[in-house]
PDB file of N, CA and C in Angstrom:
ATOM      1  N   MET A   1      47.754  88.785 112.901  1.00  0.00           N
ATOM      2  CA  MET A   1      48.308  88.567 112.175  1.00  0.00           C
ATOM      3  C   MET A   1      49.182  89.579 111.685  1.00  0.00           C
ATOM      4  N   LEU A   2      50.562  89.213 110.843  1.00  0.00           N
ATOM      5  CA  LEU A   2      51.255  90.068 110.086  1.00  0.00           C
ATOM      6  C   LEU A   2      50.834  90.369 108.739  1.00  0.00           C
ATOM      7  N   ASP A   3      50.841  91.659 108.398  1.00  0.00           N
ATOM      8  CA  ASP A   3      50.358  92.366 107.141  1.00  0.00           C
ATOM      9  C   ASP A   3      52.086  92.198 106.102  1.00  0.00           C
ATOM     10  N   GLU A   4      51.125  92.354 105.468  1.00  0.00           N
ATOM     11  CA  GLU A   4      52.410  92.404 104.309  1.00  0.00           C
ATOM     12  C   GLU A   4      53.870  93.151 104.497  1.00  0.00           C
ATOM     13  N   LYS A   5      53.586  94.619 105.104  1.00  0.00           N
ATOM     14  CA  LYS A   5      54.370  95.083 105.174  1.00  0.00           C
ATOM     15  C   LYS A   5      55.332  95.231 106.367  1.00  0.00           C
ATOM     16  N   THR A   6      54.914  94.545 107.172  1.00  0.00           N
ATOM     17  CA  THR A   6      55.244  94.008 108.415  1.00  0.00           C
ATOM     18  C   THR A   6      56.617  92.740 108.109  1.00  0.00           C
ATOM     19  N   MET A   7      55.806  92.002 107.184  1.00  0.00           N
ATOM     20  CA  MET A   7      56.461  90.863 106.641  1.00  0.00           C
ATOM     21  C   MET A   7      57.881  91.625 106.049  1.00  0.00           C
ATOM     22  N   VAL A   8      57.966  92.352 104.841  1.00  0.00           N
ATOM     23  CA  VAL A   8      58.721  92.779 104.262  1.00  0.00           C
ATOM     24  C   VAL A   8      59.922  93.539 104.903  1.00  0.00           C
ATOM     25  N   ALA A   9      59.382  94.243 105.934  1.00  0.00           N
ATOM     26  CA  ALA A   9      59.804  94.784 106.739  1.00  0.00           C
ATOM     27  C   ALA A   9      61.455  93.953 107.469  1.00  0.00           C
ATOM     28  N   ASP A  10      60.203  93.247 108.155  1.00  0.00           N
ATOM     29  CA  ASP A  10      61.304  91.676 109.044  1.00  0.00           C
ATOM     30  C   ASP A  10      62.062  91.225 108.100  1.00  0.00           C
ATOM     31  N   THR A  11      61.837  90.919 106.994  1.00  0.00           N
ATOM     32  CA  THR A  11      62.729  90.519 106.124  1.00  0.00           C
ATOM     33  C   THR A  11      63.911  91.329 105.915  1.00  0.00           C
ATOM     34  N   LEU A  12      63.620  92.632 105.373  1.00  0.00           N
ATOM     35  CA  LEU A  12      65.122  93.474 104.969  1.00  0.00           C
ATOM     36  C   LEU A  12      65.204  93.697 106.074  1.00  0.00           C
ATOM     37  N   THR A  13      65.132  93.735 107.584  1.00  0.00           N
ATOM     38  CA  THR A  13      65.958  93.468 108.704  1.00  0.00           C
ATOM     39  C   THR A  13      66.997  92.651 108.994  1.00  0.00           C
ATOM     40  N   ALA A  14      66.526  91.419 108.775  1.00  0.00           N
ATOM     41  CA  ALA A  14      67.203  89.900 108.903  1.00  0.00           C
ATOM     42  C   ALA A  14      68.092  90.146 107.957  1.00  0.00           C
ATOM     43  N   VAL A  15      68.055  90.557 106.610  1.00  0.00           N
ATOM     44  CA  VAL A  15      69.272  90.069 105.723  1.00  0.00           C
ATOM     45  C   VAL A  15      69.826  91.242 105.984  1.00  0.00           C
ATOM     46  N   ASN A  16      69.908  92.335 106.198  1.00  0.00           N
ATOM     47  CA  ASN A  16      70.767  93.598 106.818  1.00  0.00           C
ATOM     48  C   ASN A  16      71.324  93.115 107.788  1.00  0.00           C
ATOM     49  N   GLY A  17      71.052  92.120 108.493  1.00  0.00           N
ATOM     50  CA  GLY A  17      71.705  91.639 110.108  1.00  0.00           C
ATOM     51  C   GLY A  17      72.778  90.548 109.019  1.00  0.00           C
ATOM     52  N   GLU A  18      72.241  89.719 108.331  1.00  0.00           N
ATOM     53  CA  GLU A  18      73.248  88.655 108.007  1.00  0.00           C
ATOM     54  C   GLU A  18      74.226  89.456 106.895  1.00  0.00           C
ATOM     55  N   LEU A  19      73.933  90.402 106.235  1.00  0.00           N
ATOM     56  CA  LEU A  19      74.730  90.559 105.731  1.00  0.00           C
ATOM     57  C   LEU A  19      76.399  91.641 106.639  1.00  0.00           C
ATOM     58  N   LEU A  20      75.986  91.907 107.856  1.00  0.00           N
ATOM     59  CA  LEU A  20      76.835  91.882 108.848  1.00  0.00           C
ATOM     60  C   LEU A  20      77.489  91.326 109.544  1.00  0.00           C
ATOM     61  N   ARG A  21      76.912  89.891 109.585  1.00  0.00           N
ATOM     62  CA  ARG A  21      77.560  88.583 110.085  1.00  0.00           C
ATOM     63  C   ARG A  21      78.276  88.345 108.982  1.00  0.00           C
ATOM     64  N   TYR A  22      77.913  88.016 107.849  1.00  0.00           N
ATOM     65  CA  TYR A  22      79.360  87.421 106.759  1.00  0.00           C
ATOM     66  C   TYR A  22      80.089  88.378 107.039  1.00  0.00           C
ATOM     67  N   SER A  23      80.339  90.124 106.834  1.00  0.00           N
ATOM     68  CA  SER A  23      81.422  90.560 106.896  1.00  0.00           C
ATOM     69  C   SER A  23      82.336  90.239 107.892  1.00  0.00           C
ATOM     70  N   GLU A  24      81.714  90.112 108.876  1.00  0.00           N
ATOM     71  CA  GLU A  24      82.547  90.050 110.177  1.00  0.00           C
ATOM     72  C   GLU A  24      83.288  88.439 110.068  1.00  0.00           C
ATOM     73  N   MET A  25      82.020  87.360 109.550  1.00  0.00           N
ATOM     74  CA  MET A  25      83.097  86.285 109.705  1.00  0.00           C
ATOM     75  C   MET A  25      84.183  86.389 108.480  1.00  0.00           C
ATOM     76  N   ILE A  26      83.846  87.325 106.963  1.00  0.00           N
ATOM     77  CA  ILE A  26      85.036  87.463 106.417  1.00  0.00           C
ATOM     78  C   ILE A  26      86.438  87.855 106.596  1.00  0.00           C
ATOM     79  N   THR A  27      86.411  88.746 107.436  1.00  0.00           N
ATOM     80  CA  THR A  27      87.494  89.445 108.109  1.00  0.00           C
ATOM     81  C   THR A  27      87.882  88.552 109.256  1.00  0.00           C
ATOM     82  N   GLN A  28      87.270  87.590 109.782  1.00  0.00           N
ATOM     83  CA  GLN A  28      87.682  87.204 110.964  1.00  0.00           C
ATOM     84  C   GLN A  28      88.515  85.605 110.442  1.00  0.00           C
ATOM     85  N   THR A  29      88.065  85.363 109.092  1.00  0.00           N
ATOM     86  CA  THR A  29      88.338  83.555 108.713  1.00  0.00           C
ATOM     87  C   THR A  29      90.124  83.928 107.767  1.00  0.00           C
ATOM     88  N   GLY A  30      91.167  83.097 107.763  1.00  0.00           N
ATOM     89  CA  GLY A  30      92.482  83.127 107.479  1.00  0.00           C
ATOM     90  C   GLY A  30      92.768  82.036 106.137  1.00  0.00           C
ATOM     91  N   ASN A  31      91.381  81.370 106.208  1.00  0.00           N
ATOM     92  CA  ASN A  31      91.040  80.519 105.521  1.00  0.00           C
ATOM     93  C   ASN A  31      90.870  80.765 103.592  1.00  0.00           C
ATOM     94  N   PRO A  32      91.425  81.162 103.205  1.00  0.00           N
ATOM     95  CA  PRO A  32      91.091  81.484 101.665  1.00  0.00           C
ATOM     96  C   PRO A  32      89.950  81.089 100.931  1.00  0.00           C
ATOM     97  N   GLN A  33      89.619  79.883 101.065  1.00  0.00           N
ATOM     98  CA  GLN A  33      88.571  78.756 100.173  1.00  0.00           C
ATOM     99  C   GLN A  33      87.145  79.510 100.975  1.00  0.00           C
ATOM    100  N   LEU A  34      87.322  79.336 102.911  1.00  0.00           N
ATOM    101  CA  LEU A  34      86.600  79.829 102.687  1.00  0.00           C
ATOM    102  C   LEU A  34      86.052  80.889 102.946  1.00  0.00           C
ATOM    103  N   LYS A  35      87.118  82.238 103.345  1.00  0.00           N
ATOM    104  CA  LYS A  35      86.871  83.579 102.776  1.00  0.00           C
ATOM    105  C   LYS A  35      86.248  83.684 101.815  1.00  0.00           C
ATOM    106  N   GLN A  36      86.733  83.023 100.253  1.00  0.00           N
ATOM    107  CA  GLN A  36      86.207  83.162  98.969  1.00  0.00           C
ATOM    108  C   GLN A  36      84.125  82.761  99.345  1.00  0.00           C
ATOM    109  N   THR A  37      84.228  81.801  99.732  1.00  0.00           N
ATOM    110  CA  THR A  37      82.905  80.880  99.877  1.00  0.00           C
ATOM    111  C   THR A  37      81.985  81.832 100.363  1.00  0.00           C
ATOM    112  N   LEU A  38      82.549  82.638 102.008  1.00  0.00           N
ATOM    113  CA  LEU A  38      81.747  83.914 102.277  1.00  0.00           C
ATOM    114  C   LEU A  38      81.433  84.755 101.371  1.00  0.00           C
ATOM    115  N   LYS A  39      82.444  85.383 100.818  1.00  0.00           N
ATOM    116  CA  LYS A  39      82.222  86.369  99.557  1.00  0.00           C
ATOM    117  C   LYS A  39      81.114  86.202  99.247  1.00  0.00           C
ATOM    118  N   GLN A  40      80.919  84.983  98.508  1.00  0.00           N
ATOM    119  CA  GLN A  40      80.290  84.335  97.057  1.00  0.00           C
ATOM    120  C   GLN A  40      78.740  84.747  98.079  1.00  0.00           C
ATOM    121  N   ILE A  41      78.554  83.943  99.498  1.00  0.00           N
ATOM    122  CA  ILE A  41      77.791  83.956  99.938  1.00  0.00           C
ATOM    123  C   ILE A  41      77.187  85.445 100.444  1.00  0.00           C
ATOM    124  N   ARG A  42      78.029  86.365 100.689  1.00  0.00           N
ATOM    125  CA  ARG A  42      77.494  87.647 101.201  1.00  0.00           C
ATOM    126  C   ARG A  42      76.699  88.317  99.368  1.00  0.00           C
ATOM    127  N   ASN A  43      77.597  88.335  98.800  1.00  0.00           N
ATOM    128  CA  ASN A  43      76.898  88.876  97.275  1.00  0.00           C
ATOM    129  C   ASN A  43      75.606  87.892  97.005  1.00  0.00           C
ATOM    130  N   GLN A  44      75.771  87.101  96.612  1.00  0.00           N
ATOM    131  CA  GLN A  44      74.069  86.424  96.553  1.00  0.00           C
ATOM    132  C   GLN A  44      73.136  87.162  97.835  1.00  0.00           C
ATOM    133  N   CYS A  45      73.419  87.521  99.181  1.00  0.00           N
ATOM    134  CA  CYS A  45      72.667  87.938 100.163  1.00  0.00           C
ATOM    135  C   CYS A  45      72.332  89.580  99.857  1.00  0.00           C
ATOM    136  N   GLU A  46      73.445  90.188  99.228  1.00  0.00           N
ATOM    137  CA  GLU A  46      73.120  91.641  98.755  1.00  0.00           C
ATOM    138  C   GLU A  46      72.240  91.997  97.661  1.00  0.00           C
ATOM    139  N   MET A  47      72.369  90.755  96.877  1.00  0.00           N
ATOM    140  CA  MET A  47      71.444  91.148  95.892  1.00  0.00           C
ATOM    141  C   MET A  47      69.962  90.628  96.317  1.00  0.00           C
ATOM    142  N   SER A  48      69.689  89.635  97.239  1.00  0.00           N
ATOM    143  CA  SER A  48      68.734  89.711  97.457  1.00  0.00           C
ATOM    144  C   SER A  48      67.948  90.910  98.585  1.00  0.00           C
ATOM    145  N   GLN A  49      68.946  91.211  99.524  1.00  0.00           N
ATOM    146  CA  GLN A  49      68.553  92.786 100.054  1.00  0.00           C
ATOM    147  C   GLN A  49      68.525  93.592  99.250  1.00  0.00           C
ATOM    148  N   GLU A  50      68.774  94.001  97.936  1.00  0.00           N
ATOM    149  CA  GLU A  50      68.316  94.864  96.798  1.00  0.00           C
ATOM    150  C   GLU A  50      66.706  94.877  96.153  1.00  0.00           C
ATOM    151  N   GLU A  51      66.774  93.171  95.886  1.00  0.00           N
ATOM    152  CA  GLU A  51      65.223  92.901  95.622  1.00  0.00           C
ATOM    153  C   GLU A  51      64.382  93.692  96.697  1.00  0.00           C
ATOM    154  N   ILE A  52      64.453  92.530  97.775  1.00  0.00           N
ATOM    155  CA  ILE A  52      63.636  93.384  99.170  1.00  0.00           C
ATOM    156  C   ILE A  52      63.563  94.662  99.470  1.00  0.00           C
ATOM    157  N   TYR A  53      64.943  95.430  98.872  1.00  0.00           N
ATOM    158  CA  TYR A  53      64.398  96.922  99.232  1.00  0.00           C
ATOM    159  C   TYR A  53      63.898  97.660  98.000  1.00  0.00           C
ATOM    160  N   ASN A  54      63.781  96.994  96.882  1.00  0.00           N
ATOM    161  CA  ASN A  54      63.012  97.510  95.464  1.00  0.00           C
ATOM    162  C   ASN A  54      61.681  97.247  95.928  1.00  0.00           C
ATOM    163  N   ILE A  55      61.237  95.929  96.423  1.00  0.00           N
ATOM    164  CA  ILE A  55      59.691  95.961  96.312  1.00  0.00           C
ATOM    165  C   ILE A  55      59.333  96.553  97.784  1.00  0.00           C
ATOM    166  N   ALA A  56      60.033  96.588  99.028  1.00  0.00           N
ATOM    167  CA  ALA A  56      59.580  97.590  99.609  1.00  0.00           C
ATOM    168  C   ALA A  56      59.919  99.198  99.266  1.00  0.00           C
ATOM    169  N   ARG A  57      60.122  99.712  98.141  1.00  0.00           N
ATOM    170  CA  ARG A  57      60.221 101.488  97.993  1.00  0.00           C
ATOM    171  C   ARG A  57      59.134 101.686  96.965  1.00  0.00           C
ATOM    172  N   GLU A  58      58.732 100.434  95.961  1.00  0.00           N
ATOM    173  CA  GLU A  58      57.648  99.827  94.945  1.00  0.00           C
ATOM    174  C   GLU A  58      56.087 100.127  95.887  1.00  0.00           C
ATOM    175  N   ARG A  59      56.323  99.561  97.007  1.00  0.00           N
ATOM    176  CA  ARG A  59      54.880  99.114  97.986  1.00  0.00           C
ATOM    177  C   ARG A  59      54.636 100.508  98.623  1.00  0.00           C
ATOM    178  N   GLN A  60      55.778 101.481  98.976  1.00  0.00           N
ATOM    179  CA  GLN A  60      55.910 102.560  99.508  1.00  0.00           C
ATOM    180  C   GLN A  60      55.677 101.722 101.041  1.00  0.00           C
ATOM    181  N   TYR A  61      56.429 100.942 101.309  1.00  0.00           N
ATOM    182  CA  TYR A  61      56.878 100.608 102.601  1.00  0.00           C
ATOM    183  C   TYR A  61      57.952 100.856 103.273  1.00  0.00           C
ATOM    184  N   TYR A  62      58.778 101.702 102.561  1.00  0.00           N
ATOM    185  CA  TYR A  62      60.144 102.460 103.140  1.00  0.00           C
ATOM    186  C   TYR A  62      60.414 103.461 102.587  1.00  0.00           C
ATOM    187  N   VAL A  63      60.624 103.944 102.397  1.00  0.00           N
ATOM    188  CA  VAL A  63      60.780 105.590 102.417  1.00  0.00           C
ATOM    189  C   VAL A  63      62.402 105.817 102.817  1.00  0.00           C
ATOM    190  N   PRO A  64      63.211 106.003 101.742  1.00  0.00           N
ATOM    191  CA  PRO A  64      64.919 105.953 102.173  1.00  0.00           C
ATOM    192  C   PRO A  64      64.388 107.784 102.371  1.00  0.00           C
ATOM    193  N   ALA A  65      66.056 108.481 102.934  1.00  0.00           N
ATOM    194  CA  ALA A  65      66.041 109.615 103.783  1.00  0.00           C
ATOM    195  C   ALA A  65      66.185 110.663 102.348  1.00  0.00           C
ATOM    196  N   ALA A  66      65.906 111.730 102.238  1.00  0.00           N
ATOM    197  CA  ALA A  66      66.446 112.673 101.291  1.00  0.00           C
ATOM    198  C   ALA A  66      68.036 111.976 101.284  1.00  0.00           C
ATOM    199  N   GLU A  67      68.400 112.946  99.903  1.00  0.00           N
ATOM    200  CA  GLU A  67      69.724 112.074  99.418  1.00  0.00           C
ATOM    201  C   GLU A  67      70.444 113.314  99.956  1.00  0.00           C
ATOM    202  N   ALA A  68      71.891 113.106 100.168  1.00  0.00           N
ATOM    203  CA  ALA A  68      72.656 114.099 100.704  1.00  0.00           C
ATOM    204  C   ALA A  68      73.235 114.718  99.499  1.00  0.00           C
ATOM    205  N   LYS A  69      73.623 116.358 100.236  1.00  0.00           N
ATOM    206  CA  LYS A  69      74.216 117.678  99.160  1.00  0.00           C
ATOM    207  C   LYS A  69      75.200 116.841  99.141  1.00  0.00           C
ATOM    208  N   ALA A  70      75.488 118.042  97.982  1.00  0.00           N
ATOM    209  CA  ALA A  70      77.296 117.679  97.721  1.00  0.00           C
ATOM    210  C   ALA A  70      78.203 117.978  98.369  1.00  0.00           C
ATOM    211  N   ASP A  71      77.888 119.648  99.619  1.00  0.00           N
ATOM    212  CA  ASP A  71      78.692 120.272 100.460  1.00  0.00           C
ATOM    213  C   ASP A  71      78.783 119.123 101.723  1.00  0.00           C
ATOM    214  N   GLU A  72      77.670 118.511 101.819  1.00  0.00           N
ATOM    215  CA  GLU A  72      77.361 117.419 102.860  1.00  0.00           C
ATOM    216  C   GLU A  72      78.419 116.295 102.484  1.00  0.00           C
ATOM    217  N   ILE A  73      78.309 115.779 101.871  1.00  0.00           N
ATOM    218  CA  ILE A  73      79.001 114.566 101.152  1.00  0.00           C
ATOM    219  C   ILE A  73      80.688 114.878 101.228  1.00  0.00           C
ATOM    220  N   SER A  74      81.159 115.980 100.522  1.00  0.00           N
ATOM    221  CA  SER A  74      82.190 116.373 100.548  1.00  0.00           C
ATOM    222  C   SER A  74      82.961 116.338 102.299  1.00  0.00           C
ATOM    223  N   HIS A  75      82.011 116.938 103.032  1.00  0.00           N
ATOM    224  CA  HIS A  75      82.437 117.310 104.563  1.00  0.00           C
ATOM    225  C   HIS A  75      82.878 116.134 104.994  1.00  0.00           C
ATOM    226  N   VAL A  76      81.902 114.548 105.285  1.00  0.00           N
ATOM    227  CA  VAL A  76      81.859 113.573 105.361  1.00  0.00           C
ATOM    228  C   VAL A  76      83.445 112.658 104.738  1.00  0.00           C
ATOM    229  N   ARG A  77      83.657 113.138 103.857  1.00  0.00           N
ATOM    230  CA  ARG A  77      84.398 112.993 103.087  1.00  0.00           C
ATOM    231  C   ARG A  77      85.935 112.947 103.316  1.00  0.00           C
ATOM    232  N   SER A  78      85.826 114.261 103.713  1.00  0.00           N
ATOM    233  CA  SER A  78      87.105 114.820 104.866  1.00  0.00           C
ATOM    234  C   SER A  78      87.604 114.412 105.706  1.00  0.00           C
ATOM    235  N   ILE A  79      86.480 114.052 106.241  1.00  0.00           N
ATOM    236  CA  ILE A  79      86.441 113.504 108.155  1.00  0.00           C
ATOM    237  C   ILE A  79      86.762 112.276 107.725  1.00  0.00           C
ATOM    238  N   LEU A  80      86.682 111.240 106.878  1.00  0.00           N
ATOM    239  CA  LEU A  80      86.579 110.050 106.919  1.00  0.00           C
ATOM    240  C   LEU A  80      88.168 110.032 106.097  1.00  0.00           C
ATOM    241  N   THR A  81      88.684 110.929 105.693  1.00  0.00           N
ATOM    242  CA  THR A  81      89.807 110.731 104.960  1.00  0.00           C
ATOM    243  C   THR A  81      91.477 110.853 105.796  1.00  0.00           C
ATOM    244  N   GLN A  82      90.872 112.151 106.835  1.00  0.00           N
ATOM    245  CA  GLN A  82      91.969 112.497 107.456  1.00  0.00           C
ATOM    246  C   GLN A  82      92.781 111.893 108.275  1.00  0.00           C
ATOM    247  N   GLN A  83      94.079 112.168 107.999  1.00  0.00           N
ATOM    248  CA  GLN A  83      94.772 111.264 108.881  1.00  0.00           C
ATOM    249  C   GLN A  83      95.066 111.533 110.396  1.00  0.00           C
ATOM    250  N   PRO A  84      95.117 110.189 110.991  1.00  0.00           N
ATOM    251  CA  PRO A  84      95.060 110.285 112.321  1.00  0.00           C
ATOM    252  C   PRO A  84      96.378 110.779 113.187  1.00  0.00           C
ATOM    253  N   MET A  85      95.928 111.778 113.511  1.00  0.00           N
ATOM    254  CA  MET A  85      97.595 112.408 114.502  1.00  0.00           C
ATOM    255  C   MET A  85      98.263 111.664 115.036  1.00  0.00           C
ATOM    256  N   SER A  86      98.939 112.025 115.206  1.00  0.00           N
ATOM    257  CA  SER A  86     100.488 111.240 116.140  1.00  0.00           C
ATOM    258  C   SER A  86     100.318 111.850 117.811  1.00  0.00           C
TER     259      SER A  86
END
């Protein structure tokens, strides 16, 4: 039998997967109306994900990684914003 912690974790994993699929569909559709509809659905899914995430944190089912330090953030930002070499 599944316990509550496992169910919350499984739900969070499933919702995260849905968010990835919505993002893929949004970038692959050329139909503006469909794209807008998918964005709305994705936004609702993101709100659900945040609610589930908050439940998991409140009940200590999920402990996030330590926050990145300013120099670490700066380093990653510099890597991601570098111009590609030609």
